[in-house]
Protein backbone atom coordinates (compact mmCIF):
# COMPACT_ATOMS: atom_id res chain seq x y z
CA MET A 1 -24.00 -14.51 -21.89
CA LYS A 2 -22.84 -12.65 -19.47
CA ILE A 3 -19.62 -13.98 -18.17
CA LYS A 4 -19.24 -14.87 -14.81
CA SER A 5 -16.04 -17.11 -13.73
CA VAL A 6 -12.48 -17.17 -15.43
CA LEU A 7 -9.63 -19.20 -15.40
CA VAL A 8 -6.22 -17.30 -15.78
CA VAL A 9 -3.14 -19.86 -16.63
CA SER A 10 0.42 -17.71 -16.90
CA HIS A 11 3.51 -18.91 -15.91
CA MET A 12 3.95 -15.46 -15.33
CA TYR A 13 2.61 -14.00 -12.28
CA PRO A 14 4.22 -12.25 -8.86
CA ARG A 15 5.83 -13.58 -6.79
CA ASP A 16 7.15 -13.26 -3.65
CA TYR A 17 11.29 -13.40 -4.43
CA HIS A 18 10.38 -11.66 -7.78
CA PRO A 19 7.27 -9.23 -6.93
CA ALA A 20 6.83 -7.34 -10.03
CA GLY A 21 7.13 -10.60 -12.21
CA GLY A 22 3.45 -10.89 -14.84
CA ILE A 23 2.77 -7.74 -12.61
CA PHE A 24 0.40 -7.12 -16.65
CA VAL A 25 -1.17 -10.09 -16.13
CA HIS A 26 -2.41 -9.74 -12.31
CA GLU A 27 -3.18 -6.31 -12.99
CA GLN A 28 -5.68 -7.46 -15.68
CA VAL A 29 -7.03 -10.24 -13.38
CA LYS A 30 -7.79 -7.84 -11.24
CA ALA A 31 -9.68 -5.31 -13.89
CA LEU A 32 -11.50 -8.23 -14.26
CA ARG A 33 -12.44 -8.91 -10.82
CA ASP A 34 -13.44 -5.27 -10.30
CA ALA A 35 -16.11 -5.70 -13.31
CA GLY A 36 -17.71 -8.22 -11.39
CA VAL A 37 -15.85 -11.68 -12.96
CA ASP A 38 -14.64 -14.80 -10.67
CA ALA A 39 -11.37 -14.35 -12.20
CA ARG A 40 -8.60 -16.67 -10.91
CA VAL A 41 -4.86 -17.77 -11.87
CA ILE A 42 -3.39 -20.91 -11.42
CA THR A 43 0.25 -20.51 -12.34
CA GLY A 44 3.47 -22.83 -12.80
CA GLU A 45 6.09 -23.40 -10.14
CA PRO A 46 9.45 -25.04 -11.91
CA PHE A 47 9.73 -27.90 -9.83
CA TRP A 48 14.31 -28.30 -9.83
CA ILE A 49 15.95 -31.81 -11.00
CA ASN A 50 19.48 -31.30 -11.72
CA THR A 51 20.98 -34.95 -11.25
CA PHE A 52 21.49 -37.30 -13.58
CA HIS A 53 21.62 -39.79 -10.48
CA PRO A 54 18.81 -42.38 -11.64
CA LEU A 55 18.28 -42.97 -7.69
CA ARG A 56 17.60 -39.19 -7.04
CA VAL A 57 15.89 -38.59 -10.41
CA ILE A 58 13.61 -41.13 -8.95
CA SER A 59 13.39 -39.93 -5.59
CA ALA A 60 13.05 -36.25 -6.98
CA LEU A 61 9.72 -37.29 -9.01
CA ARG A 62 8.36 -39.01 -5.92
CA SER A 63 8.80 -35.47 -3.81
CA TRP A 64 7.30 -34.09 -6.99
CA TRP A 65 3.98 -36.49 -7.56
CA ARG A 66 3.09 -36.07 -3.36
CA MET A 67 3.62 -32.36 -3.71
CA GLY A 68 0.06 -30.17 -3.66
CA GLY A 69 -2.74 -29.78 -1.72
CA TYR A 70 -3.90 -27.28 -4.61
CA ASP A 71 -5.04 -24.50 -2.08
CA TRP A 72 -6.29 -21.17 -3.24
CA GLU A 73 -3.58 -18.28 -2.39
CA LEU A 74 -4.62 -14.63 -2.53
CA HIS A 75 -2.43 -12.44 -3.90
CA ASN A 76 -3.61 -8.44 -3.63
CA ASP A 77 -7.31 -10.36 -3.39
CA VAL A 78 -6.79 -11.83 -6.19
CA PRO A 79 -7.27 -16.69 -5.98
CA PHE A 80 -4.26 -18.11 -7.72
CA ILE A 81 -2.93 -21.87 -7.34
CA LYS A 82 0.79 -22.23 -7.65
CA PHE A 83 1.25 -26.22 -9.60
CA PRO A 84 4.54 -27.76 -9.87
CA TYR A 85 6.34 -28.58 -12.86
CA ILE A 86 9.31 -30.34 -13.46
CA VAL A 87 12.30 -28.71 -15.91
CA SER A 88 15.77 -29.50 -15.43
CA SER A 89 19.06 -27.93 -16.80
CA ARG A 90 20.85 -31.27 -17.28
CA PHE A 91 18.61 -33.49 -19.24
CA LEU A 92 15.52 -31.82 -20.37
CA PRO A 93 15.68 -28.64 -22.84
CA PHE A 94 12.83 -25.87 -22.77
CA GLN A 95 11.29 -27.75 -25.27
CA ALA A 96 10.00 -30.05 -22.40
CA HIS A 97 7.99 -28.08 -20.88
CA PHE A 98 5.06 -28.53 -22.86
CA PHE A 99 4.32 -31.48 -21.43
CA THR A 100 5.72 -31.34 -18.64
CA TYR A 101 4.05 -27.60 -17.74
CA ARG A 102 0.61 -29.35 -19.33
CA PHE A 103 0.77 -32.31 -17.64
CA GLY A 104 1.04 -29.76 -14.28
CA ALA A 105 -1.34 -27.48 -15.08
CA LEU A 106 -4.03 -30.39 -15.69
CA ARG A 107 -3.39 -32.52 -12.99
CA CYS A 108 -3.49 -29.66 -11.11
CA LEU A 109 -6.81 -28.42 -12.56
CA GLY A 110 -8.64 -32.23 -11.76
CA ARG A 111 -7.95 -31.67 -8.39
CA MET A 112 -9.84 -28.60 -8.24
CA LYS A 113 -12.27 -28.21 -10.93
CA LYS A 114 -14.97 -28.76 -8.41
CA ASP A 115 -13.93 -25.59 -6.14
CA PHE A 116 -14.39 -23.51 -9.34
CA SER A 117 -16.07 -24.09 -12.20
CA PHE A 118 -14.97 -21.21 -15.27
CA GLN A 119 -16.59 -20.91 -18.44
CA VAL A 120 -13.31 -18.61 -20.29
CA ILE A 121 -9.53 -20.07 -20.52
CA HIS A 122 -7.50 -17.06 -20.94
CA ALA A 123 -3.84 -18.17 -20.77
CA HIS A 124 -0.99 -15.85 -21.20
CA THR A 125 1.91 -16.87 -24.30
CA SER A 126 1.53 -19.71 -26.27
CA PHE A 127 4.14 -21.75 -26.10
CA THR A 128 4.12 -22.68 -22.29
CA ASP A 129 0.63 -21.33 -20.97
CA GLY A 130 -1.21 -21.49 -24.65
CA ASN A 131 -0.58 -24.79 -25.22
CA ALA A 132 -1.23 -26.26 -21.51
CA GLY A 133 -4.36 -23.69 -21.43
CA VAL A 134 -5.54 -25.51 -25.36
CA ALA A 135 -5.42 -29.15 -23.53
CA ILE A 136 -7.67 -27.84 -20.90
CA SER A 137 -10.38 -26.03 -22.96
CA ARG A 138 -10.62 -29.60 -24.71
CA LYS A 139 -11.07 -31.56 -21.82
CA TYR A 140 -13.30 -29.12 -19.83
CA LYS A 141 -15.01 -27.91 -23.64
CA VAL A 142 -14.73 -24.51 -23.01
CA PRO A 143 -13.12 -21.64 -24.90
CA LEU A 144 -9.59 -20.53 -25.10
CA VAL A 145 -7.96 -17.01 -25.12
CA ILE A 146 -4.37 -16.32 -26.00
CA THR A 147 -2.45 -13.35 -25.11
CA GLU A 148 0.84 -13.42 -26.43
CA HIS A 149 3.42 -10.83 -24.37
CA THR A 150 6.60 -12.47 -26.11
CA GLY A 151 9.82 -10.63 -26.79
CA PRO A 152 11.36 -10.95 -29.19
CA PHE A 153 8.59 -12.98 -30.83
CA GLU A 154 11.48 -15.43 -32.77
CA VAL A 155 11.87 -17.09 -28.82
CA LEU A 156 8.90 -18.95 -29.63
CA THR A 157 9.64 -20.16 -33.24
CA ARG A 158 13.49 -20.35 -33.22
CA THR A 159 13.26 -24.28 -33.37
CA SER A 160 11.03 -26.38 -35.56
CA PHE A 161 9.32 -27.87 -32.63
CA LEU A 162 8.71 -24.70 -30.74
CA ARG A 163 7.29 -23.54 -34.30
CA ARG A 164 5.32 -25.90 -34.10
CA LYS A 165 3.83 -25.75 -30.99
CA THR A 166 3.17 -22.62 -30.63
CA GLN A 167 1.75 -22.20 -34.18
CA ALA A 168 -0.88 -24.99 -33.61
CA ALA A 169 -1.70 -23.65 -29.92
CA ILE A 170 -2.62 -20.35 -31.97
CA ASN A 171 -4.52 -21.69 -33.65
CA SER A 172 -6.40 -23.95 -31.43
CA ALA A 173 -7.57 -20.45 -29.48
CA GLY A 174 -11.14 -18.60 -30.14
CA CYS A 175 -8.63 -15.66 -29.78
CA LEU A 176 -5.32 -14.39 -30.37
CA ILE A 177 -4.57 -11.37 -28.71
CA ALA A 178 -1.07 -9.28 -29.44
CA VAL A 179 -0.16 -6.82 -26.41
CA SER A 180 0.96 -4.26 -29.36
CA LYS A 181 0.65 -3.91 -33.09
CA SER A 182 4.09 -4.47 -33.66
CA LEU A 183 4.29 -7.57 -31.84
CA PHE A 184 1.13 -8.68 -34.22
CA GLU A 185 3.23 -8.13 -37.03
CA ASP A 186 5.83 -10.75 -35.75
CA ILE A 187 3.12 -13.03 -34.81
CA ASN A 188 2.18 -13.21 -38.60
CA ARG A 189 5.46 -12.99 -40.10
CA GLN A 190 6.58 -16.22 -38.21
CA VAL A 191 3.77 -18.56 -37.94
CA ARG A 192 0.90 -19.14 -40.38
CA LEU A 193 -2.61 -17.90 -39.20
CA LYS A 194 -5.56 -20.13 -39.60
CA TYR A 195 -8.04 -17.86 -38.75
CA PRO A 196 -6.55 -14.61 -38.72
CA ASP A 197 -10.33 -12.52 -38.01
CA ARG A 198 -9.33 -14.59 -34.30
CA ALA A 199 -6.38 -12.20 -33.95
CA MET A 200 -6.62 -8.55 -32.94
CA VAL A 201 -4.85 -6.36 -30.31
CA LEU A 202 -5.25 -5.10 -27.08
CA PRO A 203 -3.17 -3.67 -24.32
CA ASN A 204 -2.04 -4.80 -21.53
CA VAL A 205 -4.20 -2.96 -18.50
CA VAL A 206 -2.11 -0.22 -16.58
CA ASP A 207 -3.61 0.87 -12.99
CA VAL A 208 -3.62 4.53 -13.60
CA ARG A 209 -5.14 5.12 -10.58
CA SER A 210 -2.13 4.05 -8.92
CA PHE A 211 -0.05 6.79 -11.20
CA LEU A 212 -1.47 9.97 -10.66
CA GLN A 213 -0.22 13.23 -12.07
CA THR A 214 1.03 15.72 -9.48
CA GLU A 215 1.73 18.88 -10.37
CA ARG A 216 4.95 19.06 -11.38
CA ARG A 217 7.18 20.97 -14.16
CA THR A 218 11.08 20.92 -13.71
CA GLY A 219 12.47 22.94 -16.56
CA GLY A 220 13.91 26.03 -15.58
CA SER A 221 17.84 25.54 -14.74
CA ARG A 222 17.49 21.66 -14.51
CA ILE A 223 16.01 19.59 -16.86
CA ASN A 224 15.36 15.51 -15.33
CA VAL A 225 15.35 12.84 -17.65
CA LEU A 226 13.79 9.12 -15.86
CA TRP A 227 15.21 5.73 -17.11
CA VAL A 228 13.13 2.88 -15.28
CA GLY A 229 14.15 -1.37 -15.69
CA HIS A 230 16.44 -3.89 -15.50
CA PHE A 231 20.36 -3.66 -16.98
CA VAL A 232 20.06 -6.14 -19.14
CA PRO A 233 21.43 -5.87 -22.68
CA VAL A 234 18.02 -5.65 -25.07
CA LYS A 235 17.22 -2.05 -22.90
CA ARG A 236 20.59 -0.65 -24.12
CA VAL A 237 21.16 1.87 -21.42
CA GLY A 238 24.99 1.58 -22.27
CA LEU A 239 23.90 3.30 -25.64
CA LEU A 240 21.51 5.99 -23.89
CA ILE A 241 25.02 7.29 -21.42
CA LYS A 242 27.03 7.43 -24.37
CA ALA A 243 23.66 9.08 -25.89
CA PHE A 244 23.39 11.27 -23.02
CA CYS A 245 27.21 12.34 -22.82
CA LYS A 246 26.49 13.95 -26.46
CA ALA A 247 23.35 15.28 -25.54
CA VAL A 248 24.82 16.89 -22.23
CA GLY A 249 27.54 18.40 -23.88
CA GLN A 250 24.85 20.86 -25.81
CA ASP A 251 22.94 21.03 -22.82
CA PRO A 252 24.04 21.21 -19.46
CA ARG A 253 20.44 21.35 -17.66
CA LEU A 254 19.92 17.40 -18.51
CA ASN A 255 20.32 15.44 -15.43
CA LEU A 256 19.55 11.46 -15.67
CA THR A 257 18.14 9.30 -13.17
CA LEU A 258 18.61 5.52 -13.65
CA VAL A 259 15.82 3.48 -11.34
CA GLY A 260 16.57 -0.03 -11.71
CA GLU A 261 19.13 -2.67 -11.19
CA GLY A 262 20.61 -5.95 -13.28
CA PRO A 263 23.92 -7.79 -13.79
CA LEU A 264 25.25 -4.82 -16.42
CA GLU A 265 25.07 -2.33 -13.69
CA ALA A 266 28.72 -2.05 -12.84
CA GLU A 267 29.40 -2.49 -15.76
CA LEU A 268 28.00 1.08 -16.64
CA LYS A 269 28.95 2.46 -13.22
CA ALA A 270 31.96 1.82 -14.42
CA LEU A 271 31.25 3.97 -18.49
CA VAL A 272 29.48 6.80 -16.39
CA ASP A 273 32.83 7.63 -13.87
CA GLU A 274 34.41 6.87 -17.91
CA LEU A 275 32.41 9.62 -19.49
CA GLN A 276 32.75 11.89 -16.73
CA LEU A 277 29.29 12.04 -16.33
CA THR A 278 28.18 11.69 -12.67
CA LYS A 279 27.20 15.09 -11.88
CA HIS A 280 24.70 14.77 -14.02
CA VAL A 281 23.34 11.12 -13.87
CA ASN A 282 22.03 9.24 -10.69
CA PHE A 283 21.87 5.43 -10.17
CA ALA A 284 18.82 5.35 -8.20
CA GLY A 285 18.58 2.30 -7.42
CA ALA A 286 15.08 -0.90 -7.11
CA ALA A 287 11.50 0.76 -6.79
CA ASP A 288 8.78 -0.67 -6.01
CA ARG A 289 5.30 0.61 -7.53
CA LYS A 290 4.76 2.51 -4.24
CA GLN A 291 7.83 4.59 -4.77
CA LEU A 292 7.90 5.15 -8.53
CA PRO A 293 4.73 7.92 -8.73
CA GLY A 294 7.61 9.89 -6.67
CA TYR A 295 10.04 9.47 -9.58
CA TYR A 296 7.62 10.25 -12.70
CA GLY A 297 6.97 12.98 -10.49
CA ASN A 298 9.90 14.89 -10.54
CA SER A 299 11.15 13.75 -14.18
CA ASP A 300 10.64 16.49 -17.20
CA PHE A 301 9.89 13.00 -19.26
CA LEU A 302 10.40 9.39 -19.22
CA VAL A 303 13.26 7.28 -21.95
CA ILE A 304 13.32 4.08 -23.29
CA SER A 305 16.70 2.89 -25.31
CA SER A 306 15.06 -0.82 -25.91
CA GLU A 307 15.89 -2.60 -28.11
CA SER A 308 12.92 -4.37 -28.30
CA GLU A 309 9.62 -4.29 -26.70
CA THR A 310 6.54 -5.80 -27.17
CA PHE A 311 4.69 -3.27 -24.73
CA GLY A 312 6.47 -1.00 -22.80
CA VAL A 313 4.58 -0.62 -19.48
CA VAL A 314 6.80 2.30 -17.92
CA ALA A 315 5.29 4.37 -21.09
CA ILE A 316 1.80 4.47 -19.68
CA GLU A 317 2.88 4.83 -15.46
CA ALA A 318 5.10 7.56 -16.77
CA MET A 319 1.61 9.09 -19.09
CA SER A 320 -0.81 8.32 -16.20
CA CYS A 321 1.70 10.60 -14.54
CA GLY A 322 1.08 13.61 -16.94
CA VAL A 323 4.56 12.01 -18.04
CA PRO A 324 5.82 12.33 -22.01
CA VAL A 325 7.58 9.79 -23.54
CA LEU A 326 10.93 10.16 -25.43
CA SER A 327 11.28 6.57 -26.99
CA THR A 328 13.94 4.45 -29.50
CA ASP A 329 11.41 2.60 -32.01
CA CYS A 330 11.63 -0.66 -30.45
CA GLY A 331 7.95 -1.62 -30.80
CA GLY A 332 5.28 -1.69 -28.37
CA PRO A 333 5.69 2.42 -27.22
CA ALA A 334 4.81 3.41 -30.92
CA ASP A 335 1.41 2.56 -29.72
CA MET A 336 1.39 4.92 -27.14
CA ILE A 337 3.31 7.82 -28.19
CA VAL A 338 0.02 8.47 -31.24
CA ASN A 339 1.78 11.73 -31.46
CA SER A 340 4.29 14.88 -30.84
CA SER A 341 2.18 16.45 -27.81
CA LEU A 342 2.96 12.96 -26.15
CA GLY A 343 6.56 12.44 -26.58
CA THR A 344 8.75 11.15 -29.54
CA ILE A 345 9.30 8.30 -31.18
CA VAL A 346 13.37 8.25 -32.81
CA GLY A 347 15.77 5.65 -34.34
CA MET A 348 17.47 3.43 -32.69
CA GLY A 349 20.66 4.88 -33.23
CA LEU A 350 23.27 6.72 -30.75
CA ASP A 351 22.75 10.30 -32.65
CA ASP A 352 18.78 9.32 -32.68
CA LEU A 353 18.75 9.32 -29.30
CA SER A 354 21.55 12.10 -28.76
CA ASP A 355 19.02 14.18 -30.68
CA GLY A 356 15.84 13.56 -29.49
CA LEU A 357 17.24 13.98 -25.60
CA LEU A 358 17.74 17.01 -26.93
CA SER A 359 14.70 17.97 -28.43
CA MET A 360 12.91 17.08 -25.66
CA ALA A 361 14.87 19.22 -23.46
CA LYS A 362 13.95 22.44 -25.21
CA ARG A 363 9.91 21.43 -25.62
CA SER A 364 9.59 20.37 -21.85
CA GLY A 365 7.50 23.27 -20.90
CA ASP A 366 5.67 22.92 -23.43
CA PHE A 367 3.63 19.47 -23.12
CA ASP A 368 -0.03 19.54 -21.73
CA ALA A 369 0.21 16.74 -18.40
CA HIS A 370 -3.26 16.57 -18.10
CA TYR A 371 -3.70 15.63 -21.97
CA ILE A 372 -1.13 13.30 -21.35
CA ARG A 373 -2.86 11.73 -18.22
CA ARG A 374 -6.00 11.97 -20.19
CA HIS A 375 -4.51 9.57 -22.90
CA ALA A 376 -3.26 7.05 -20.09
CA GLU A 377 -6.78 6.81 -19.00
CA GLU A 378 -8.57 6.16 -22.01
CA ASN A 379 -6.76 4.19 -24.20
CA PHE A 380 -4.96 2.12 -20.70
CA SER A 381 -7.22 2.03 -18.06
CA ALA A 382 -7.92 -1.25 -16.00
CA SER A 383 -12.08 -0.37 -16.62
CA VAL A 384 -11.14 0.08 -20.04
CA VAL A 385 -9.17 -3.18 -20.65
CA ALA A 386 -11.52 -5.04 -19.03
CA GLY A 387 -14.32 -4.16 -20.94
CA ARG A 388 -13.09 -4.49 -24.33
CA MET A 389 -12.12 -8.04 -22.94
CA LEU A 390 -15.15 -8.77 -22.00
CA GLU A 391 -16.65 -8.50 -24.57
CA VAL A 392 -13.74 -10.66 -26.42
CA TYR A 393 -15.17 -13.77 -24.05
CA LYS A 394 -18.58 -12.84 -25.04
CA ARG A 395 -18.06 -13.75 -28.84
CA LEU A 396 -17.49 -16.68 -27.47
CA GLN A 397 -19.47 -18.11 -25.89
């Protein structure tokens, strides 16, 4: 049966205030639409109630109930609807999202189902969107696919309630997809898969058309190392700076550009000053997707220093530009750096990272940018991943 329509349920989706949020979900939906599928998104928007005062709570609940025309909006030609769901830092723990998100999604579907008849539901993450997807699937008798992105996966299994509900959603889906082998292994360790033959690994889509290979290889007297991300603890940028300090003492050609922002930025800048690295480390600030190809094109290699990555989209963006990748053994990047012609996977320690920087610097002129680009296109492009996704949908009909 030809798949003509798919409903995507994802709390992760680009917003005006966070345009990069859930971009990987948006790219997958775009890929499906490019393949001729009418794929649309419903995404939960938190409705905050931060008071204990009974009358104010009642007033807020009335306001929430009156909300919603549930009109389709467009984000880069993808139709989506935002539905409000109740959250509170005062009286509703994260576990309560199981009820409020599911109720909000069902209420939204009850109002717009007549306008959009879907053949498949595709939920992104198991606990919040997955359980909403289960409820929608049962109500409308439509098969469900869940793609899990959460890392570390312990976030969804840290209490008995979370584990039970996450496992129930996974085992209710016609297919469970993990975006990397390492995440798939984490899921297997932490929940019991009732139907293991329904589970598989399928990567995120990366729009390789937006990240094109450029003619460059700086080399010579300067080796440009690039890091892209958010300055948060899991990215371990402090460790990277210390490893870089050790490496630059042996190879002064090394220069590090940090593209991003975040809560640790001031602390990291102070560390660079303390280590007297200001001539070798540049804080470039945040960059949008249109600016990123320029940074990739001016680098000799990308570095990922994370403690944990379920996927690592920046690695594929870099490879799409023909740039090799150095990564710690943090999960997802190991699915991309499958041989030494694409980069290097190193251990998690400071010395491992420092040695990796030196090794990549020595090899910087040896990488074949065309081969790296081709690897990204053949394994992670929109057409390839969308084609595999459509095969999953067809099997469920």
